[in-house]
Protein backbone atom coordinates (compact mmCIF):
# COMPACT_ATOMS: atom_id res chain seq x y z
CA UNK A 1 34.59 -32.03 55.40
CA UNK A 2 35.31 -35.52 56.16
CA UNK A 3 35.59 -37.89 53.65
CA UNK A 4 32.84 -41.44 53.28
CA UNK A 5 33.48 -44.79 52.47
CA UNK A 6 31.73 -47.23 50.81
CA UNK A 7 32.14 -50.96 52.12
CA UNK A 8 31.58 -53.86 50.85
CA UNK A 9 32.11 -57.80 52.11
CA UNK A 10 31.92 -59.91 49.59
CA UNK A 11 31.40 -63.96 49.93
CA UNK A 12 33.46 -65.84 47.72
CA UNK A 13 31.92 -67.38 45.17
CA UNK A 14 32.80 -68.38 41.49
CA UNK A 15 34.01 -65.92 38.86
CA UNK A 16 30.82 -65.43 36.53
CA UNK A 17 30.91 -63.58 33.23
CA UNK A 18 28.70 -60.61 34.58
CA UNK A 19 30.96 -59.95 37.40
CA UNK A 20 33.60 -59.49 34.98
CA UNK A 21 31.55 -57.17 33.30
CA UNK A 22 30.68 -55.44 36.70
CA UNK A 23 34.53 -54.86 37.51
CA UNK A 24 34.99 -53.55 34.06
CA UNK A 25 32.11 -51.06 34.03
CA UNK A 26 32.63 -50.05 37.89
CA UNK A 27 34.75 -47.61 37.73
CA UNK A 28 32.90 -45.14 35.06
CA UNK A 29 30.66 -45.27 37.93
CA UNK A 30 33.03 -43.67 40.57
CA UNK A 31 34.43 -41.41 38.53
CA UNK A 32 32.12 -38.76 38.45
CA UNK A 33 31.73 -38.66 42.40
CA UNK A 34 35.25 -38.60 43.03
CA UNK A 35 35.12 -42.17 44.04
CA UNK A 36 37.98 -44.71 44.09
CA UNK A 37 39.18 -47.69 45.58
CA UNK A 38 41.31 -47.90 48.36
CA UNK A 39 40.99 -52.02 48.74
CA UNK A 40 40.01 -54.52 46.05
CA UNK A 41 39.88 -57.83 47.44
CA UNK A 42 43.59 -57.99 48.87
CA UNK A 43 44.71 -60.04 51.18
CA UNK A 44 42.62 -60.51 54.56
CA UNK A 45 44.37 -60.70 57.58
CA UNK A 46 41.90 -62.11 60.28
CA UNK A 47 43.01 -61.31 63.73
CA UNK A 48 39.65 -61.65 65.51
CA UNK A 49 36.42 -63.29 65.04
CA UNK A 50 36.05 -64.25 61.24
CA UNK A 51 35.39 -62.88 57.37
CA UNK A 52 35.08 -65.30 55.08
CA UNK A 53 35.38 -63.20 51.72
CA UNK A 54 36.73 -60.24 50.47
CA UNK A 55 36.93 -56.92 51.11
CA UNK A 56 36.53 -53.78 49.04
CA UNK A 57 36.44 -50.08 49.97
CA UNK A 58 35.87 -47.22 48.35
CA UNK A 59 36.30 -43.75 49.37
CA UNK A 60 34.63 -41.03 48.34
CA UNK A 61 34.91 -37.14 49.42
CA UNK A 62 31.85 -37.16 51.23
CA UNK A 63 28.80 -38.90 52.48
CA UNK A 64 26.83 -37.15 49.89
CA UNK A 65 28.72 -37.99 46.80
CA UNK A 66 29.23 -42.06 48.57
CA UNK A 67 24.97 -41.81 48.18
CA UNK A 68 24.67 -40.09 45.15
CA UNK A 69 27.00 -42.37 43.67
CA UNK A 70 25.22 -45.23 45.13
CA UNK A 71 21.75 -44.03 43.94
CA UNK A 72 23.00 -43.14 40.51
CA UNK A 73 21.45 -44.60 37.34
CA UNK A 74 24.72 -45.61 36.25
CA UNK A 75 25.46 -47.81 39.01
CA UNK A 76 21.81 -49.13 39.44
CA UNK A 77 22.49 -49.93 35.54
CA UNK A 78 25.47 -52.35 36.57
CA UNK A 79 24.71 -53.21 40.20
CA UNK A 80 22.40 -56.46 39.54
CA UNK A 81 25.84 -58.13 37.32
CA UNK A 82 27.09 -58.24 41.00
CA UNK A 83 24.20 -59.13 42.97
CA UNK A 84 22.91 -61.89 40.85
CA UNK A 85 26.15 -63.54 41.42
CA UNK A 86 27.67 -62.74 44.93
CA UNK A 87 25.99 -62.50 48.32
CA UNK A 88 27.41 -59.33 50.29
CA UNK A 89 26.86 -56.49 52.97
CA UNK A 90 27.37 -53.36 51.90
CA UNK A 91 27.70 -50.16 53.58
CA UNK A 92 28.30 -46.57 53.41
CA UNK A 93 30.34 -45.05 56.30
CA UNK A 94 31.29 -41.78 57.05
CA UNK A 95 35.13 -41.14 58.27
CA UNK A 96 36.82 -38.72 60.14
CA UNK A 97 38.71 -35.25 59.66
CA UNK A 98 42.68 -35.69 59.23
CA UNK A 99 42.57 -33.99 62.52
CA UNK A 100 40.31 -36.50 64.55
CA UNK A 101 41.69 -37.61 67.87
CA UNK A 102 40.54 -40.51 69.91
CA UNK A 103 41.64 -38.98 72.90
CA UNK A 104 39.66 -35.65 72.62
CA UNK A 105 36.57 -37.81 71.48
CA UNK A 106 36.54 -39.47 74.41
CA UNK A 107 37.48 -36.54 76.55
CA UNK A 108 33.63 -34.99 75.14
CA UNK A 109 31.70 -38.25 75.82
CA UNK A 110 33.10 -38.19 79.71
CA UNK A 111 31.83 -34.04 79.41
CA UNK A 112 28.56 -34.98 77.73
CA UNK A 113 28.19 -38.09 80.58
CA UNK A 114 28.53 -35.93 83.38
CA UNK A 115 25.72 -33.49 82.88
């Protein structure tokens, strides 16, 4: 089973009391779904393009649990504390298995393209 990630690109904005409350409460919404922060607003070193703002990445055991967290009543209850004050792009994305190989992926794509 592949892990999944919730990724948010947050645009910088002044700190608001609602956002602080959101930060205080979010972990309790993640725990029941096995979610954990792996990136939470650390330094962003932009190598290509532009990236105004901060990055948050939350890891889940799988995509089903990531979706279940986002749709949960506990998360929906606090989500507006963030969305009223921060502009963001938020996605859920499935990760790869521990033994993933980009070379094997390329070989499979070559085989599929030759049919």
